[in-house]
Amino acid sequence: MDTRHEEVETFIYDEKASAIFLAKQVLGRQMLPQMITLQPGGKTALEQYSAGIERWIFSLEGTVDVTVGTKSYRLTTSGTLYFKASLAHRFENQEQTAAKIISVTSPVAF
């Protein structure tokens, strides 16, 4: 049994928001799975990808406010949202406890 741990690829939005890539070597692949952790008051940058890019999110724990274009959604544990990532979007935690979501972007957009 191999007990070595590969280093996890992490993206830091700021001190209250970060993402862990859930797959290795995603460049050239069709999906980017990641787990985003938002501490109380944390939020991601406003993101907007090219036409044809889609994003699906699933709330693992906590409450996340999602803005997509001009619409807002509140996801609680087990909530899900699927949207066109070509619309400007952001994830934010306005609660007092940490929140975690799984996000899958397809195809990979960098």
C-alpha atoms as a PDB file:
ATOM      1  CA  MET A   1       0.000   0.000   0.000  1.00  0.00           C
ATOM      2  CA  ASP A   2       1.390   3.377  -1.034  1.00  0.00           C
ATOM      3  CA  THR A   3       1.040   5.848   1.835  1.00  0.00           C
ATOM      4  CA  ARG A   4       2.616   8.849   0.069  1.00  0.00           C
ATOM      5  CA  HIS A   5       0.382  11.888  -0.283  1.00  0.00           C
ATOM      6  CA  GLU A   6       0.537  13.992  -3.387  1.00  0.00           C
ATOM      7  CA  GLU A   7       0.442  17.714  -2.830  1.00  0.00           C
ATOM      8  CA  VAL A   8      -3.034  19.096  -3.407  1.00  0.00           C
ATOM      9  CA  GLU A   9      -3.371  21.962  -5.878  1.00  0.00           C
ATOM     10  CA  THR A  10      -4.964  24.916  -4.125  1.00  0.00           C
ATOM     11  CA  PHE A  11      -6.213  28.256  -5.405  1.00  0.00           C
ATOM     12  CA  ILE A  12      -6.487  31.063  -2.853  1.00  0.00           C
ATOM     13  CA  TYR A  13      -9.033  33.798  -3.567  1.00  0.00           C
ATOM     14  CA  ASP A  14      -8.145  35.580  -0.298  1.00  0.00           C
ATOM     15  CA  GLU A  15      -7.673  34.705   3.397  1.00  0.00           C
ATOM     16  CA  LYS A  16     -11.348  33.671   3.675  1.00  0.00           C
ATOM     17  CA  ALA A  17     -11.901  31.832   0.383  1.00  0.00           C
ATOM     18  CA  SER A  18      -9.954  28.993  -1.238  1.00  0.00           C
ATOM     19  CA  ALA A  19     -10.411  26.100  -3.659  1.00  0.00           C
ATOM     20  CA  ILE A  20      -8.818  22.656  -3.785  1.00  0.00           C
ATOM     21  CA  PHE A  21      -8.639  20.949  -7.174  1.00  0.00           C
ATOM     22  CA  LEU A  22     -10.116  17.450  -6.868  1.00  0.00           C
ATOM     23  CA  ALA A  23      -8.271  16.056  -9.897  1.00  0.00           C
ATOM     24  CA  LYS A  24      -4.687  16.184 -11.100  1.00  0.00           C
ATOM     25  CA  GLN A  25      -3.502  17.531 -14.446  1.00  0.00           C
ATOM     26  CA  VAL A  26      -6.772  19.179 -15.477  1.00  0.00           C
ATOM     27  CA  LEU A  27      -5.369  21.171 -18.408  1.00  0.00           C
ATOM     28  CA  GLY A  28      -6.738  19.707 -21.621  1.00  0.00           C
ATOM     29  CA  ARG A  29      -9.505  17.853 -19.754  1.00  0.00           C
ATOM     30  CA  GLN A  30     -13.238  18.397 -20.041  1.00  0.00           C
ATOM     31  CA  MET A  31     -14.028  19.049 -16.351  1.00  0.00           C
ATOM     32  CA  LEU A  32     -12.510  20.941 -13.448  1.00  0.00           C
ATOM     33  CA  PRO A  33     -13.819  19.526 -10.149  1.00  0.00           C
ATOM     34  CA  GLN A  34     -12.957  21.525  -7.062  1.00  0.00           C
ATOM     35  CA  MET A  35     -14.012  22.022  -3.455  1.00  0.00           C
ATOM     36  CA  ILE A  36     -14.428  25.658  -2.455  1.00  0.00           C
ATOM     37  CA  THR A  37     -14.250  26.633   1.209  1.00  0.00           C
ATOM     38  CA  LEU A  38     -15.679  29.968   2.300  1.00  0.00           C
ATOM     39  CA  GLN A  39     -15.013  31.160   5.822  1.00  0.00           C
ATOM     40  CA  PRO A  40     -17.540  33.575   7.407  1.00  0.00           C
ATOM     41  CA  GLY A  41     -17.464  36.731   5.269  1.00  0.00           C
ATOM     42  CA  GLY A  42     -15.532  34.960   2.498  1.00  0.00           C
ATOM     43  CA  LYS A  43     -16.282  35.343  -1.191  1.00  0.00           C
ATOM     44  CA  THR A  44     -14.778  34.385  -4.502  1.00  0.00           C
ATOM     45  CA  ALA A  45     -13.727  36.856  -7.148  1.00  0.00           C
ATOM     46  CA  LEU A  46     -16.322  37.799  -9.743  1.00  0.00           C
ATOM     47  CA  GLU A  47     -15.752  35.202 -12.481  1.00  0.00           C
ATOM     48  CA  GLN A  48     -16.975  35.121 -16.061  1.00  0.00           C
ATOM     49  CA  TYR A  49     -15.852  32.585 -18.638  1.00  0.00           C
ATOM     50  CA  SER A  50     -16.203  32.260 -22.411  1.00  0.00           C
ATOM     51  CA  ALA A  51     -19.446  31.207 -24.073  1.00  0.00           C
ATOM     52  CA  GLY A  52     -20.044  27.452 -23.899  1.00  0.00           C
ATOM     53  CA  ILE A  53     -18.611  26.989 -20.387  1.00  0.00           C
ATOM     54  CA  GLU A  54     -21.003  25.586 -17.774  1.00  0.00           C
ATOM     55  CA  ARG A  55     -20.745  25.267 -14.011  1.00  0.00           C
ATOM     56  CA  TRP A  56     -22.489  22.998 -11.506  1.00  0.00           C
ATOM     57  CA  ILE A  57     -22.239  23.450  -7.743  1.00  0.00           C
ATOM     58  CA  PHE A  58     -23.352  21.342  -4.787  1.00  0.00           C
ATOM     59  CA  SER A  59     -23.422  22.670  -1.223  1.00  0.00           C
ATOM     60  CA  LEU A  60     -21.680  20.272   1.174  1.00  0.00           C
ATOM     61  CA  GLU A  61     -22.185  22.334   4.321  1.00  0.00           C
ATOM     62  CA  GLY A  62     -23.188  25.794   5.416  1.00  0.00           C
ATOM     63  CA  THR A  63     -25.001  28.450   3.418  1.00  0.00           C
ATOM     64  CA  VAL A  64     -23.665  30.028   0.232  1.00  0.00           C
ATOM     65  CA  ASP A  65     -25.142  33.010  -1.568  1.00  0.00           C
ATOM     66  CA  VAL A  66     -24.598  32.712  -5.311  1.00  0.00           C
ATOM     67  CA  THR A  67     -24.933  35.574  -7.752  1.00  0.00           C
ATOM     68  CA  VAL A  68     -25.259  34.630 -11.427  1.00  0.00           C
ATOM     69  CA  GLY A  69     -25.760  37.553 -13.767  1.00  0.00           C
ATOM     70  CA  THR A  70     -28.539  39.623 -12.213  1.00  0.00           C
ATOM     71  CA  LYS A  71     -30.031  36.756 -10.160  1.00  0.00           C
ATOM     72  CA  SER A  72     -29.214  35.651  -6.621  1.00  0.00           C
ATOM     73  CA  TYR A  73     -29.625  32.198  -5.070  1.00  0.00           C
ATOM     74  CA  ARG A  74     -29.149  30.919  -1.516  1.00  0.00           C
ATOM     75  CA  LEU A  75     -27.862  27.349  -1.266  1.00  0.00           C
ATOM     76  CA  THR A  76     -28.007  25.430   1.987  1.00  0.00           C
ATOM     77  CA  THR A  77     -26.603  21.945   2.624  1.00  0.00           C
ATOM     78  CA  SER A  78     -27.389  19.601  -0.320  1.00  0.00           C
ATOM     79  CA  GLY A  79     -28.551  22.514  -2.490  1.00  0.00           C
ATOM     80  CA  THR A  80     -27.432  22.519  -6.115  1.00  0.00           C
ATOM     81  CA  LEU A  81     -27.232  24.985  -9.001  1.00  0.00           C
ATOM     82  CA  TYR A  82     -26.330  24.570 -12.674  1.00  0.00           C
ATOM     83  CA  PHE A  83     -25.648  27.655 -14.793  1.00  0.00           C
ATOM     84  CA  LYS A  84     -23.869  29.127 -17.801  1.00  0.00           C
ATOM     85  CA  ALA A  85     -20.486  30.286 -16.531  1.00  0.00           C
ATOM     86  CA  SER A  86     -20.359  32.898 -19.292  1.00  0.00           C
ATOM     87  CA  LEU A  87     -22.573  34.931 -16.951  1.00  0.00           C
ATOM     88  CA  ALA A  88     -20.668  36.847 -14.276  1.00  0.00           C
ATOM     89  CA  HIS A  89     -20.884  34.872 -11.030  1.00  0.00           C
ATOM     90  CA  ARG A  90     -19.638  34.870  -7.439  1.00  0.00           C
ATOM     91  CA  PHE A  91     -20.003  32.722  -4.309  1.00  0.00           C
ATOM     92  CA  GLU A  92     -20.266  34.358  -0.875  1.00  0.00           C
ATOM     93  CA  ASN A  93     -20.688  33.223   2.730  1.00  0.00           C
ATOM     94  CA  GLN A  94     -22.590  35.804   4.783  1.00  0.00           C
ATOM     95  CA  GLU A  95     -23.127  33.455   7.736  1.00  0.00           C
ATOM     96  CA  GLN A  96     -21.140  32.885  10.950  1.00  0.00           C
ATOM     97  CA  THR A  97     -19.946  29.344  10.108  1.00  0.00           C
ATOM     98  CA  ALA A  98     -17.759  28.040   7.276  1.00  0.00           C
ATOM     99  CA  ALA A  99     -19.347  26.778   4.051  1.00  0.00           C
ATOM    100  CA  LYS A 100     -18.076  24.221   1.524  1.00  0.00           C
ATOM    101  CA  ILE A 101     -19.247  23.556  -2.012  1.00  0.00           C
ATOM    102  CA  ILE A 102     -18.226  21.188  -4.776  1.00  0.00           C
ATOM    103  CA  SER A 103     -17.917  22.965  -8.111  1.00  0.00           C
ATOM    104  CA  VAL A 104     -17.484  21.397 -11.543  1.00  0.00           C
ATOM    105  CA  THR A 105     -16.674  23.638 -14.503  1.00  0.00           C
ATOM    106  CA  SER A 106     -16.880  22.169 -18.007  1.00  0.00           C
ATOM    107  CA  PRO A 107     -14.866  22.395 -20.090  1.00  0.00           C
ATOM    108  CA  VAL A 108     -11.876  23.517 -18.046  1.00  0.00           C
ATOM    109  CA  ALA A 109     -11.506  27.296 -18.240  1.00  0.00           C
ATOM    110  CA  PHE A 110      -8.177  28.960 -17.421  1.00  0.00           C
END
